[in-house]
Structure formats: C-alpha cells, structure tokens
C-alpha cells in the first residue's frame, strides 16, 4: 500500500468526522489543508472554559493539546494525530487506523459537549434547590411566575438580581450563563474550574434565600406561592414538632382540591364523629409524609494556516 492510498483513507475518515461535528462544513475538497482547517475550526470555536478545564477525560485533554499546537496540515494529519496514540501505530493497518479515528472523534465530541454538559449540571442543581421538578417549558414558566411574584421584595441587591434573572430564564444555555455568572462573580470567558465550585455553592445559597423570600411574600401583600406546615405529635410521651415548607403552583390547585375532597369523603364515611380522633389521624398521616417525602411517589407506582484569526 503506497502513501497515496494511506493518505486518502485517513483524509476521507477525518473528513467524515468534520461533517459530523460541523454541519455547516460540507468539506467537498479532501486536500490536507481543507481537512486540517475543518478539524481545527471545531477546536477554535470551543468556549474558553473548555480550553482550560481539567474536568475532562485524559483522551480529551490529549486531543485538545494536539489541536492547540496544530500548524502545518501535513504534519498535523499524518504525524501528530497518529503519533498521539504512540509510535507503534501504523496507518497502513486498518485496526490502527480505526483506533486513531475513534480517539480523535471521542476526544472532539467530548470537548464540543463539555461546556453545555457543565452548564446543565449547574442548572439542574439550581432547579433542584428551587424545588422545580424538571426543565420542561411548563415548569420553567411556573418558576418565572414565582420570580415575578417576589421581584424587589427582599431588599438584598444580590438576591434581587438573582430573582430578576430567574424571571427571564427560559432554559437555554445563554439565559443560564447570566445566572451562573452572577453566582461566580465572573463572566463565562474568565471561568476556571474553581469558579464553578464556588458558583455551585452560591447557587444553592441564593436558591434557599429565594425560597425564604417566597414564604414571606404575603408581608408585602403578594400572593403566596409557598406554604408552610407544622405538626406536633406525641411519641413515647415526648412531643415532637415536625415542620415542612413546600411549594404549591397555581396549576396544582385543582389536584389539591381533588385530594381534599377525597380525604373529606373518606372521613365522612368513618363511624366516629370525635374531632380529636380525626385530627390525630390527620396529624399522624401528615407526619408520615413529612418524614418520608418519597412515600407519596412510592404510593402512586409511577493559528497560522490551520487556525482562523
């Protein structure tokens, strides 16, 4: 097998990789300069955090360093890329060629997805702390309504800024970047790994303050989006106080009323009219759900020539 055939096979497979990861690049020409630029263009568009972070696999780090140093297309394609896997690899060997392509593909795909995956982890942490069940359009719309309800309520400028950004949060990476930037006290272009750790803690802290502000929304004459419940029960001759805060969205009101009617109907069918027994039963039932929140769920069963300037 001569060098021309080897080069053609390598360029063809790398060209397919460019087309898969960059839909805007049809890569009609299979000249080394075209394939090399297509590959490096994918790297050049990566967010700055992705080019700095160490929270990626060793293969992704290796591929990132390889692309960062890329200059001459022939050296990059025929020497640097195969050499990244060791000197024992031969492009004339089909298995070795396949391993080279897999390594480059896996590394580039991880780099392309790393920033968005990081944002999604922070977003999901924030939503969990805000007691939002998921990132569906309906759940986010209800979250924005909750934020509108407590705008300029707390007197805490930082919390008010957080609430204001939540009120515009539509679930996209771009809208969440503003929230994460507030938490990290840095714009995304300057983020390093330590900033994300700090951002996670700050998001959780602001979310707790957000929930507390909701609890006291009535002080400013605004509608309650959260409710609190306290139950005192006696166990082993000692009173125990259980308290729980929870959110009831406007869209949940019909479900609440339905449960109330069914519980009331069940109580009406009991053979006791003693108020104490009914209240004791309700208190113990409430305590059961307050101590084990999952009970309800269980109960339901459900550069240069290569880098562009």
C-alpha atoms as a PDB file:
ATOM      1  CA  UNK A   1       0.000   0.000   0.000  1.00  0.00           C
ATOM      2  CA  UNK A   2       1.589   3.239  -1.083  1.00  0.00           C
ATOM      3  CA  UNK A   3       1.429   6.530   0.787  1.00  0.00           C
ATOM      4  CA  UNK A   4      -1.246   7.966  -1.518  1.00  0.00           C
ATOM      5  CA  UNK A   5      -3.737   5.244  -0.662  1.00  0.00           C
ATOM      6  CA  UNK A   6      -2.979   5.579   3.050  1.00  0.00           C
ATOM      7  CA  UNK A   7      -3.402   9.357   2.912  1.00  0.00           C
ATOM      8  CA  UNK A   8      -6.689   9.051   1.016  1.00  0.00           C
ATOM      9  CA  UNK A   9      -8.183   6.684   3.570  1.00  0.00           C
ATOM     10  CA  UNK A  10      -7.123   8.844   6.509  1.00  0.00           C
ATOM     11  CA  UNK A  11      -8.352  12.073   4.926  1.00  0.00           C
ATOM     12  CA  UNK A  12     -11.683  10.511   3.990  1.00  0.00           C
ATOM     13  CA  UNK A  13     -12.402   9.375   7.531  1.00  0.00           C
ATOM     14  CA  UNK A  14     -11.270  12.626   9.090  1.00  0.00           C
ATOM     15  CA  UNK A  15     -13.439  14.486   6.581  1.00  0.00           C
ATOM     16  CA  UNK A  16     -16.451  12.439   7.725  1.00  0.00           C
ATOM     17  CA  UNK A  17     -15.619  13.448  11.282  1.00  0.00           C
ATOM     18  CA  UNK A  18     -15.634  17.127  10.307  1.00  0.00           C
ATOM     19  CA  UNK A  19     -19.005  16.758   8.572  1.00  0.00           C
ATOM     20  CA  UNK A  20     -20.488  15.014  11.623  1.00  0.00           C
ATOM     21  CA  UNK A  21     -19.328  17.634  14.116  1.00  0.00           C
ATOM     22  CA  UNK A  22     -19.753  20.705  11.890  1.00  0.00           C
ATOM     23  CA  UNK A  23     -22.923  20.520   9.845  1.00  0.00           C
ATOM     24  CA  UNK A  24     -22.095  23.849   8.193  1.00  0.00           C
ATOM     25  CA  UNK A  25     -18.932  22.407   6.650  1.00  0.00           C
ATOM     26  CA  UNK A  26     -19.675  20.057   3.762  1.00  0.00           C
ATOM     27  CA  UNK A  27     -15.925  19.664   3.130  1.00  0.00           C
ATOM     28  CA  UNK A  28     -16.088  18.940  -0.592  1.00  0.00           C
ATOM     29  CA  UNK A  29     -12.315  19.088  -1.123  1.00  0.00           C
ATOM     30  CA  UNK A  30     -10.168  16.441   0.568  1.00  0.00           C
ATOM     31  CA  UNK A  31      -6.881  18.323   0.419  1.00  0.00           C
ATOM     32  CA  UNK A  32      -4.887  18.149   3.687  1.00  0.00           C
ATOM     33  CA  UNK A  33      -5.223  21.924   4.168  1.00  0.00           C
ATOM     34  CA  UNK A  34      -9.038  21.708   3.909  1.00  0.00           C
ATOM     35  CA  UNK A  35      -9.411  18.733   6.252  1.00  0.00           C
ATOM     36  CA  UNK A  36      -6.916  20.202   8.725  1.00  0.00           C
ATOM     37  CA  UNK A  37      -8.688  23.560   8.808  1.00  0.00           C
ATOM     38  CA  UNK A  38     -12.039  21.864   9.195  1.00  0.00           C
ATOM     39  CA  UNK A  39     -10.836  19.928  12.225  1.00  0.00           C
ATOM     40  CA  UNK A  40      -9.080  22.874  13.870  1.00  0.00           C
ATOM     41  CA  UNK A  41     -12.097  25.112  13.261  1.00  0.00           C
ATOM     42  CA  UNK A  42     -14.067  22.816  15.577  1.00  0.00           C
ATOM     43  CA  UNK A  43     -11.444  23.364  18.277  1.00  0.00           C
ATOM     44  CA  UNK A  44     -11.264  27.124  17.689  1.00  0.00           C
ATOM     45  CA  UNK A  45     -14.999  27.511  18.378  1.00  0.00           C
ATOM     46  CA  UNK A  46     -14.796  25.838  21.777  1.00  0.00           C
ATOM     47  CA  UNK A  47     -15.653  28.057  24.785  1.00  0.00           C
ATOM     48  CA  UNK A  48     -12.637  29.378  26.650  1.00  0.00           C
ATOM     49  CA  UNK A  49     -13.511  27.318  29.717  1.00  0.00           C
ATOM     50  CA  UNK A  50     -13.327  24.119  27.662  1.00  0.00           C
ATOM     51  CA  UNK A  51      -9.819  25.069  26.543  1.00  0.00           C
ATOM     52  CA  UNK A  52      -8.743  25.397  30.197  1.00  0.00           C
ATOM     53  CA  UNK A  53     -10.653  22.850  32.223  1.00  0.00           C
ATOM     54  CA  UNK A  54      -9.119  19.645  33.524  1.00  0.00           C
ATOM     55  CA  UNK A  55     -12.521  18.099  34.239  1.00  0.00           C
ATOM     56  CA  UNK A  56     -12.479  16.047  31.080  1.00  0.00           C
ATOM     57  CA  UNK A  57     -11.048  12.647  30.220  1.00  0.00           C
ATOM     58  CA  UNK A  58      -7.347  12.095  29.604  1.00  0.00           C
ATOM     59  CA  UNK A  59      -8.086  11.384  25.931  1.00  0.00           C
ATOM     60  CA  UNK A  60      -9.942  14.693  25.561  1.00  0.00           C
ATOM     61  CA  UNK A  61      -7.008  16.521  27.196  1.00  0.00           C
ATOM     62  CA  UNK A  62      -4.605  14.805  24.775  1.00  0.00           C
ATOM     63  CA  UNK A  63      -6.692  15.701  21.729  1.00  0.00           C
ATOM     64  CA  UNK A  64      -7.130  19.280  22.956  1.00  0.00           C
ATOM     65  CA  UNK A  65      -3.375  19.728  23.383  1.00  0.00           C
ATOM     66  CA  UNK A  66      -2.805  18.206  19.957  1.00  0.00           C
ATOM     67  CA  UNK A  67      -5.187  20.633  18.252  1.00  0.00           C
ATOM     68  CA  UNK A  68      -3.841  23.592  20.191  1.00  0.00           C
ATOM     69  CA  UNK A  69      -0.358  23.020  18.758  1.00  0.00           C
ATOM     70  CA  UNK A  70      -1.534  22.358  15.180  1.00  0.00           C
ATOM     71  CA  UNK A  71       0.152  24.460  12.471  1.00  0.00           C
ATOM     72  CA  UNK A  72       1.295  22.551   9.408  1.00  0.00           C
ATOM     73  CA  UNK A  73      -1.567  20.474   7.955  1.00  0.00           C
ATOM     74  CA  UNK A  74       0.569  17.580   6.687  1.00  0.00           C
ATOM     75  CA  UNK A  75       2.420  17.209   9.964  1.00  0.00           C
ATOM     76  CA  UNK A  76      -0.800  17.565  11.921  1.00  0.00           C
ATOM     77  CA  UNK A  77      -2.725  14.958   9.933  1.00  0.00           C
ATOM     78  CA  UNK A  78      -0.071  12.375   9.115  1.00  0.00           C
ATOM     79  CA  UNK A  79       2.332  12.691  12.060  1.00  0.00           C
ATOM     80  CA  UNK A  80       0.772  14.392  15.082  1.00  0.00           C
ATOM     81  CA  UNK A  81      -2.622  12.670  15.082  1.00  0.00           C
ATOM     82  CA  UNK A  82      -1.311   9.094  14.595  1.00  0.00           C
ATOM     83  CA  UNK A  83       1.611   9.813  16.927  1.00  0.00           C
ATOM     84  CA  UNK A  84      -0.744  10.796  19.727  1.00  0.00           C
ATOM     85  CA  UNK A  85      -1.515   7.117  20.225  1.00  0.00           C
ATOM     86  CA  UNK A  86       2.099   6.006  20.265  1.00  0.00           C
ATOM     87  CA  UNK A  87       4.885   5.123  17.871  1.00  0.00           C
ATOM     88  CA  UNK A  88       3.695   1.551  17.362  1.00  0.00           C
ATOM     89  CA  UNK A  89       0.670   2.578  15.299  1.00  0.00           C
ATOM     90  CA  UNK A  90       0.711   2.284  11.513  1.00  0.00           C
ATOM     91  CA  UNK A  91      -1.812   3.995   9.259  1.00  0.00           C
ATOM     92  CA  UNK A  92      -1.399   1.122   6.819  1.00  0.00           C
ATOM     93  CA  UNK A  93      -3.035  -1.169   9.396  1.00  0.00           C
ATOM     94  CA  UNK A  94      -6.827  -0.989   9.294  1.00  0.00           C
ATOM     95  CA  UNK A  95      -7.264  -1.646  13.026  1.00  0.00           C
ATOM     96  CA  UNK A  96      -4.704   1.018  13.927  1.00  0.00           C
ATOM     97  CA  UNK A  97      -6.362   3.498  11.576  1.00  0.00           C
ATOM     98  CA  UNK A  98      -9.732   2.795  13.150  1.00  0.00           C
ATOM     99  CA  UNK A  99      -8.316   3.377  16.659  1.00  0.00           C
ATOM    100  CA  UNK A 100      -6.842   6.709  15.554  1.00  0.00           C
ATOM    101  CA  UNK A 101     -10.185   7.904  14.197  1.00  0.00           C
ATOM    102  CA  UNK A 102     -12.062   6.707  17.315  1.00  0.00           C
ATOM    103  CA  UNK A 103      -9.641   8.541  19.608  1.00  0.00           C
ATOM    104  CA  UNK A 104      -9.964  11.817  17.669  1.00  0.00           C
ATOM    105  CA  UNK A 105     -13.741  11.504  17.376  1.00  0.00           C
ATOM    106  CA  UNK A 106     -14.292  10.692  21.056  1.00  0.00           C
ATOM    107  CA  UNK A 107     -11.989  13.485  22.187  1.00  0.00           C
ATOM    108  CA  UNK A 108     -13.534  16.134  19.936  1.00  0.00           C
ATOM    109  CA  UNK A 109     -17.099  15.086  20.762  1.00  0.00           C
ATOM    110  CA  UNK A 110     -16.352  15.317  24.479  1.00  0.00           C
ATOM    111  CA  UNK A 111     -14.790  18.753  24.034  1.00  0.00           C
ATOM    112  CA  UNK A 112     -17.735  20.006  21.984  1.00  0.00           C
ATOM    113  CA  UNK A 113     -20.237  18.831  24.607  1.00  0.00           C
ATOM    114  CA  UNK A 114     -18.231  19.656  27.757  1.00  0.00           C
ATOM    115  CA  UNK A 115     -19.378  23.254  28.240  1.00  0.00           C
ATOM    116  CA  UNK A 116     -23.057  22.536  27.712  1.00  0.00           C
ATOM    117  CA  UNK A 117     -22.880  19.487  29.999  1.00  0.00           C
ATOM    118  CA  UNK A 118     -21.268  21.587  32.722  1.00  0.00           C
ATOM    119  CA  UNK A 119     -23.995  24.231  32.428  1.00  0.00           C
ATOM    120  CA  UNK A 120     -26.703  21.575  32.583  1.00  0.00           C
ATOM    121  CA  UNK A 121     -25.249  20.136  35.797  1.00  0.00           C
ATOM    122  CA  UNK A 122     -25.278  23.579  37.424  1.00  0.00           C
ATOM    123  CA  UNK A 123     -28.756  24.281  36.035  1.00  0.00           C
ATOM    124  CA  UNK A 124     -30.145  21.023  37.407  1.00  0.00           C
ATOM    125  CA  UNK A 125     -28.584  21.741  40.805  1.00  0.00           C
ATOM    126  CA  UNK A 126     -30.231  25.153  40.881  1.00  0.00           C
ATOM    127  CA  UNK A 127     -33.626  23.812  39.819  1.00  0.00           C
ATOM    128  CA  UNK A 128     -33.472  21.089  42.471  1.00  0.00           C
ATOM    129  CA  UNK A 129     -32.680  23.675  45.137  1.00  0.00           C
ATOM    130  CA  UNK A 130     -35.602  25.794  43.904  1.00  0.00           C
ATOM    131  CA  UNK A 131     -37.833  22.712  44.074  1.00  0.00           C
ATOM    132  CA  UNK A 132     -38.566  22.739  40.357  1.00  0.00           C
ATOM    133  CA  UNK A 133     -39.262  19.150  39.226  1.00  0.00           C
ATOM    134  CA  UNK A 134     -37.695  19.405  35.765  1.00  0.00           C
ATOM    135  CA  UNK A 135     -36.689  21.798  32.977  1.00  0.00           C
ATOM    136  CA  UNK A 136     -39.891  21.436  30.971  1.00  0.00           C
ATOM    137  CA  UNK A 137     -41.426  24.597  29.460  1.00  0.00           C
ATOM    138  CA  UNK A 138     -44.350  24.419  31.900  1.00  0.00           C
ATOM    139  CA  UNK A 139     -42.122  24.012  34.971  1.00  0.00           C
ATOM    140  CA  UNK A 140     -39.921  26.929  33.871  1.00  0.00           C
ATOM    141  CA  UNK A 141     -42.969  29.097  33.152  1.00  0.00           C
ATOM    142  CA  UNK A 142     -44.187  28.476  36.710  1.00  0.00           C
ATOM    143  CA  UNK A 143     -40.710  29.300  38.041  1.00  0.00           C
ATOM    144  CA  UNK A 144     -40.757  32.620  36.163  1.00  0.00           C
ATOM    145  CA  UNK A 145     -44.182  33.409  37.649  1.00  0.00           C
ATOM    146  CA  UNK A 146     -42.799  32.703  41.115  1.00  0.00           C
ATOM    147  CA  UNK A 147     -39.879  35.043  40.411  1.00  0.00           C
ATOM    148  CA  UNK A 148     -42.183  37.817  39.175  1.00  0.00           C
ATOM    149  CA  UNK A 149     -44.119  37.459  42.418  1.00  0.00           C
ATOM    150  CA  UNK A 150     -41.097  38.296  44.608  1.00  0.00           C
ATOM    151  CA  UNK A 151     -39.313  40.892  42.443  1.00  0.00           C
ATOM    152  CA  UNK A 152     -37.713  43.672  44.522  1.00  0.00           C
ATOM    153  CA  UNK A 153     -39.059  42.068  47.688  1.00  0.00           C
ATOM    154  CA  UNK A 154     -36.074  41.213  49.861  1.00  0.00           C
ATOM    155  CA  UNK A 155     -34.021  44.422  49.846  1.00  0.00           C
ATOM    156  CA  UNK A 156     -30.975  42.252  49.140  1.00  0.00           C
ATOM    157  CA  UNK A 157     -29.484  43.579  45.889  1.00  0.00           C
ATOM    158  CA  UNK A 158     -27.749  40.314  45.056  1.00  0.00           C
ATOM    159  CA  UNK A 159     -30.859  38.246  45.687  1.00  0.00           C
ATOM    160  CA  UNK A 160     -32.952  40.714  43.705  1.00  0.00           C
ATOM    161  CA  UNK A 161     -30.514  40.335  40.791  1.00  0.00           C
ATOM    162  CA  UNK A 162     -30.868  36.554  41.052  1.00  0.00           C
ATOM    163  CA  UNK A 163     -34.657  36.800  41.080  1.00  0.00           C
ATOM    164  CA  UNK A 164     -34.589  39.143  38.103  1.00  0.00           C
ATOM    165  CA  UNK A 165     -32.565  36.681  36.063  1.00  0.00           C
ATOM    166  CA  UNK A 166     -34.762  33.773  37.108  1.00  0.00           C
ATOM    167  CA  UNK A 167     -37.762  35.778  35.881  1.00  0.00           C
ATOM    168  CA  UNK A 168     -36.212  35.717  32.384  1.00  0.00           C
ATOM    169  CA  UNK A 169     -34.802  32.198  32.499  1.00  0.00           C
ATOM    170  CA  UNK A 170     -36.099  30.126  29.569  1.00  0.00           C
ATOM    171  CA  UNK A 171     -33.922  27.043  29.987  1.00  0.00           C
ATOM    172  CA  UNK A 172     -31.373  27.876  27.274  1.00  0.00           C
ATOM    173  CA  UNK A 173     -27.647  27.807  27.944  1.00  0.00           C
ATOM    174  CA  UNK A 174     -27.439  31.509  27.100  1.00  0.00           C
ATOM    175  CA  UNK A 175     -30.018  32.521  29.708  1.00  0.00           C
ATOM    176  CA  UNK A 176     -28.427  30.301  32.360  1.00  0.00           C
ATOM    177  CA  UNK A 177     -24.981  31.779  31.690  1.00  0.00           C
ATOM    178  CA  UNK A 178     -26.241  35.050  33.143  1.00  0.00           C
ATOM    179  CA  UNK A 179     -27.348  33.312  36.328  1.00  0.00           C
ATOM    180  CA  UNK A 180     -24.125  31.321  36.663  1.00  0.00           C
ATOM    181  CA  UNK A 181     -22.056  34.465  36.004  1.00  0.00           C
ATOM    182  CA  UNK A 182     -23.827  36.187  38.879  1.00  0.00           C
ATOM    183  CA  UNK A 183     -23.059  33.265  41.162  1.00  0.00           C
ATOM    184  CA  UNK A 184     -19.410  33.025  40.068  1.00  0.00           C
ATOM    185  CA  UNK A 185     -18.864  36.818  40.033  1.00  0.00           C
ATOM    186  CA  UNK A 186     -17.145  36.385  36.651  1.00  0.00           C
ATOM    187  CA  UNK A 187     -18.183  36.382  33.003  1.00  0.00           C
ATOM    188  CA  UNK A 188     -18.096  32.959  31.283  1.00  0.00           C
ATOM    189  CA  UNK A 189     -14.962  33.808  29.262  1.00  0.00           C
ATOM    190  CA  UNK A 190     -12.962  34.024  32.526  1.00  0.00           C
ATOM    191  CA  UNK A 191     -14.257  30.870  34.221  1.00  0.00           C
ATOM    192  CA  UNK A 192     -11.893  28.273  35.621  1.00  0.00           C
ATOM    193  CA  UNK A 193     -12.789  25.077  37.443  1.00  0.00           C
ATOM    194  CA  UNK A 194     -12.616  26.691  40.887  1.00  0.00           C
ATOM    195  CA  UNK A 195     -15.173  29.284  39.793  1.00  0.00           C
ATOM    196  CA  UNK A 196     -17.666  26.521  39.060  1.00  0.00           C
ATOM    197  CA  UNK A 197     -17.257  25.063  42.549  1.00  0.00           C
ATOM    198  CA  UNK A 198     -17.907  28.494  44.008  1.00  0.00           C
ATOM    199  CA  UNK A 199     -20.831  29.009  41.649  1.00  0.00           C
ATOM    200  CA  UNK A 200     -22.489  25.754  42.740  1.00  0.00           C
ATOM    201  CA  UNK A 201     -22.346  26.744  46.406  1.00  0.00           C
ATOM    202  CA  UNK A 202     -23.584  30.248  45.658  1.00  0.00           C
ATOM    203  CA  UNK A 203     -26.477  28.971  43.521  1.00  0.00           C
ATOM    204  CA  UNK A 204     -27.629  26.726  46.354  1.00  0.00           C
ATOM    205  CA  UNK A 205     -27.359  29.586  48.847  1.00  0.00           C
ATOM    206  CA  UNK A 206     -29.297  32.038  46.676  1.00  0.00           C
ATOM    207  CA  UNK A 207     -31.922  29.389  45.981  1.00  0.00           C
ATOM    208  CA  UNK A 208     -32.525  28.954  49.716  1.00  0.00           C
ATOM    209  CA  UNK A 209     -32.867  32.719  50.143  1.00  0.00           C
ATOM    210  CA  UNK A 210     -35.246  32.712  47.185  1.00  0.00           C
ATOM    211  CA  UNK A 211     -37.459  30.108  48.891  1.00  0.00           C
ATOM    212  CA  UNK A 212     -37.412  32.045  52.135  1.00  0.00           C
ATOM    213  CA  UNK A 213     -38.467  35.221  50.308  1.00  0.00           C
ATOM    214  CA  UNK A 214     -41.390  33.303  48.803  1.00  0.00           C
ATOM    215  CA  UNK A 215     -42.520  32.198  52.238  1.00  0.00           C
ATOM    216  CA  UNK A 216     -42.811  35.809  53.374  1.00  0.00           C
ATOM    217  CA  UNK A 217     -44.240  37.252  50.155  1.00  0.00           C
ATOM    218  CA  UNK A 218     -47.507  37.955  51.976  1.00  0.00           C
ATOM    219  CA  UNK A 219     -45.716  40.567  54.128  1.00  0.00           C
ATOM    220  CA  UNK A 220     -45.568  42.782  51.047  1.00  0.00           C
ATOM    221  CA  UNK A 221     -49.119  41.960  50.110  1.00  0.00           C
ATOM    222  CA  UNK A 222     -48.196  39.485  47.399  1.00  0.00           C
ATOM    223  CA  UNK A 223     -49.730  36.106  46.747  1.00  0.00           C
ATOM    224  CA  UNK A 224     -48.247  33.092  48.482  1.00  0.00           C
ATOM    225  CA  UNK A 225     -46.524  30.646  46.150  1.00  0.00           C
ATOM    226  CA  UNK A 226     -45.199  28.584  49.034  1.00  0.00           C
ATOM    227  CA  UNK A 227     -46.866  27.204  52.128  1.00  0.00           C
ATOM    228  CA  UNK A 228     -45.602  26.003  55.498  1.00  0.00           C
ATOM    229  CA  UNK A 229     -46.974  23.323  57.773  1.00  0.00           C
ATOM    230  CA  UNK A 230     -46.143  22.351  61.344  1.00  0.00           C
ATOM    231  CA  UNK A 231     -47.383  19.299  63.240  1.00  0.00           C
ATOM    232  CA  UNK A 232     -46.851  18.492  66.899  1.00  0.00           C
ATOM    233  CA  UNK A 233     -47.295  14.834  67.743  1.00  0.00           C
ATOM    234  CA  UNK A 234     -46.629  12.828  70.892  1.00  0.00           C
ATOM    235  CA  UNK A 235     -44.327   9.820  70.692  1.00  0.00           C
ATOM    236  CA  UNK A 236     -43.145   7.920  73.764  1.00  0.00           C
ATOM    237  CA  UNK A 237     -44.599  10.613  75.994  1.00  0.00           C
ATOM    238  CA  UNK A 238     -42.463  13.295  74.329  1.00  0.00           C
ATOM    239  CA  UNK A 239     -43.873  15.902  71.956  1.00  0.00           C
ATOM    240  CA  UNK A 240     -42.144  16.100  68.587  1.00  0.00           C
ATOM    241  CA  UNK A 241     -42.506  19.084  66.270  1.00  0.00           C
ATOM    242  CA  UNK A 242     -42.285  18.493  62.555  1.00  0.00           C
ATOM    243  CA  UNK A 243     -42.213  21.375  60.113  1.00  0.00           C
ATOM    244  CA  UNK A 244     -42.150  21.373  56.351  1.00  0.00           C
ATOM    245  CA  UNK A 245     -42.169  24.075  53.690  1.00  0.00           C
ATOM    246  CA  UNK A 246     -43.461  23.252  50.261  1.00  0.00           C
ATOM    247  CA  UNK A 247     -44.495  24.875  47.029  1.00  0.00           C
ATOM    248  CA  UNK A 248     -47.947  24.763  45.511  1.00  0.00           C
ATOM    249  CA  UNK A 249     -48.068  26.074  41.968  1.00  0.00           C
ATOM    250  CA  UNK A 250     -51.271  27.598  40.679  1.00  0.00           C
ATOM    251  CA  UNK A 251     -51.521  24.708  38.241  1.00  0.00           C
ATOM    252  CA  UNK A 252     -51.517  22.270  41.186  1.00  0.00           C
ATOM    253  CA  UNK A 253     -54.561  23.809  42.857  1.00  0.00           C
ATOM    254  CA  UNK A 254     -57.044  21.517  41.112  1.00  0.00           C
ATOM    255  CA  UNK A 255     -55.087  18.449  42.272  1.00  0.00           C
ATOM    256  CA  UNK A 256     -55.005  19.790  45.841  1.00  0.00           C
ATOM    257  CA  UNK A 257     -58.751  20.336  45.850  1.00  0.00           C
ATOM    258  CA  UNK A 258     -59.320  16.835  44.482  1.00  0.00           C
ATOM    259  CA  UNK A 259     -57.275  15.243  47.280  1.00  0.00           C
ATOM    260  CA  UNK A 260     -59.072  17.360  49.871  1.00  0.00           C
ATOM    261  CA  UNK A 261     -62.446  16.175  48.598  1.00  0.00           C
ATOM    262  CA  UNK A 262     -61.394  12.534  48.602  1.00  0.00           C
ATOM    263  CA  UNK A 263     -59.934  12.721  52.117  1.00  0.00           C
ATOM    264  CA  UNK A 264     -63.024  14.547  53.349  1.00  0.00           C
ATOM    265  CA  UNK A 265     -65.257  11.907  51.775  1.00  0.00           C
ATOM    266  CA  UNK A 266     -63.270   9.143  53.482  1.00  0.00           C
ATOM    267  CA  UNK A 267     -63.572  10.905  56.841  1.00  0.00           C
ATOM    268  CA  UNK A 268     -67.311  11.359  56.352  1.00  0.00           C
ATOM    269  CA  UNK A 269     -67.662   7.603  55.968  1.00  0.00           C
ATOM    270  CA  UNK A 270     -65.937   6.782  59.266  1.00  0.00           C
ATOM    271  CA  UNK A 271     -68.020   5.697  62.220  1.00  0.00           C
ATOM    272  CA  UNK A 272     -66.594   8.331  64.557  1.00  0.00           C
ATOM    273  CA  UNK A 273     -67.578  11.931  64.953  1.00  0.00           C
ATOM    274  CA  UNK A 274     -64.981  12.708  67.567  1.00  0.00           C
ATOM    275  CA  UNK A 275     -62.979  15.708  66.464  1.00  0.00           C
ATOM    276  CA  UNK A 276     -59.890  14.590  68.408  1.00  0.00           C
ATOM    277  CA  UNK A 277     -59.634  11.243  66.647  1.00  0.00           C
ATOM    278  CA  UNK A 278     -59.949  12.821  63.217  1.00  0.00           C
ATOM    279  CA  UNK A 279     -57.346  15.489  63.986  1.00  0.00           C
ATOM    280  CA  UNK A 280     -54.974  12.891  65.467  1.00  0.00           C
ATOM    281  CA  UNK A 281     -55.301  10.752  62.344  1.00  0.00           C
ATOM    282  CA  UNK A 282     -54.641  13.721  60.096  1.00  0.00           C
ATOM    283  CA  UNK A 283     -51.639  14.745  62.226  1.00  0.00           C
ATOM    284  CA  UNK A 284     -50.081  11.281  62.082  1.00  0.00           C
ATOM    285  CA  UNK A 285     -50.724  10.994  58.359  1.00  0.00           C
ATOM    286  CA  UNK A 286     -49.161  14.412  57.760  1.00  0.00           C
ATOM    287  CA  UNK A 287     -46.143  13.480  59.892  1.00  0.00           C
ATOM    288  CA  UNK A 288     -45.708  10.308  57.870  1.00  0.00           C
ATOM    289  CA  UNK A 289     -45.398  12.251  54.623  1.00  0.00           C
ATOM    290  CA  UNK A 290     -43.217  14.947  56.204  1.00  0.00           C
ATOM    291  CA  UNK A 291     -40.748  12.343  57.464  1.00  0.00           C
ATOM    292  CA  UNK A 292     -40.705  10.353  54.217  1.00  0.00           C
ATOM    293  CA  UNK A 293     -41.247  12.604  51.172  1.00  0.00           C
ATOM    294  CA  UNK A 294     -40.820   9.628  48.834  1.00  0.00           C
ATOM    295  CA  UNK A 295     -43.799   7.865  50.330  1.00  0.00           C
ATOM    296  CA  UNK A 296     -46.150   9.758  48.034  1.00  0.00           C
ATOM    297  CA  UNK A 297     -44.138   8.726  44.969  1.00  0.00           C
ATOM    298  CA  UNK A 298     -43.964   5.116  46.081  1.00  0.00           C
ATOM    299  CA  UNK A 299     -47.637   5.124  46.710  1.00  0.00           C
ATOM    300  CA  UNK A 300     -48.505   6.146  43.177  1.00  0.00           C
ATOM    301  CA  UNK A 301     -46.349   3.459  41.478  1.00  0.00           C
ATOM    302  CA  UNK A 302     -45.028   5.846  38.855  1.00  0.00           C
ATOM    303  CA  UNK A 303      -3.354  29.705  14.432  1.00  0.00           C
ATOM    304  CA  UNK A 304      -1.472  30.221  11.032  1.00  0.00           C
ATOM    305  CA  UNK A 305      -2.638  28.077   8.154  1.00  0.00           C
ATOM    306  CA  UNK A 306      -4.913  25.973  10.327  1.00  0.00           C
ATOM    307  CA  UNK A 307      -6.251  28.316  12.972  1.00  0.00           C
ATOM    308  CA  UNK A 308      -8.600  31.067  11.778  1.00  0.00           C
ATOM    309  CA  UNK A 309      -7.988  34.560  13.162  1.00  0.00           C
END
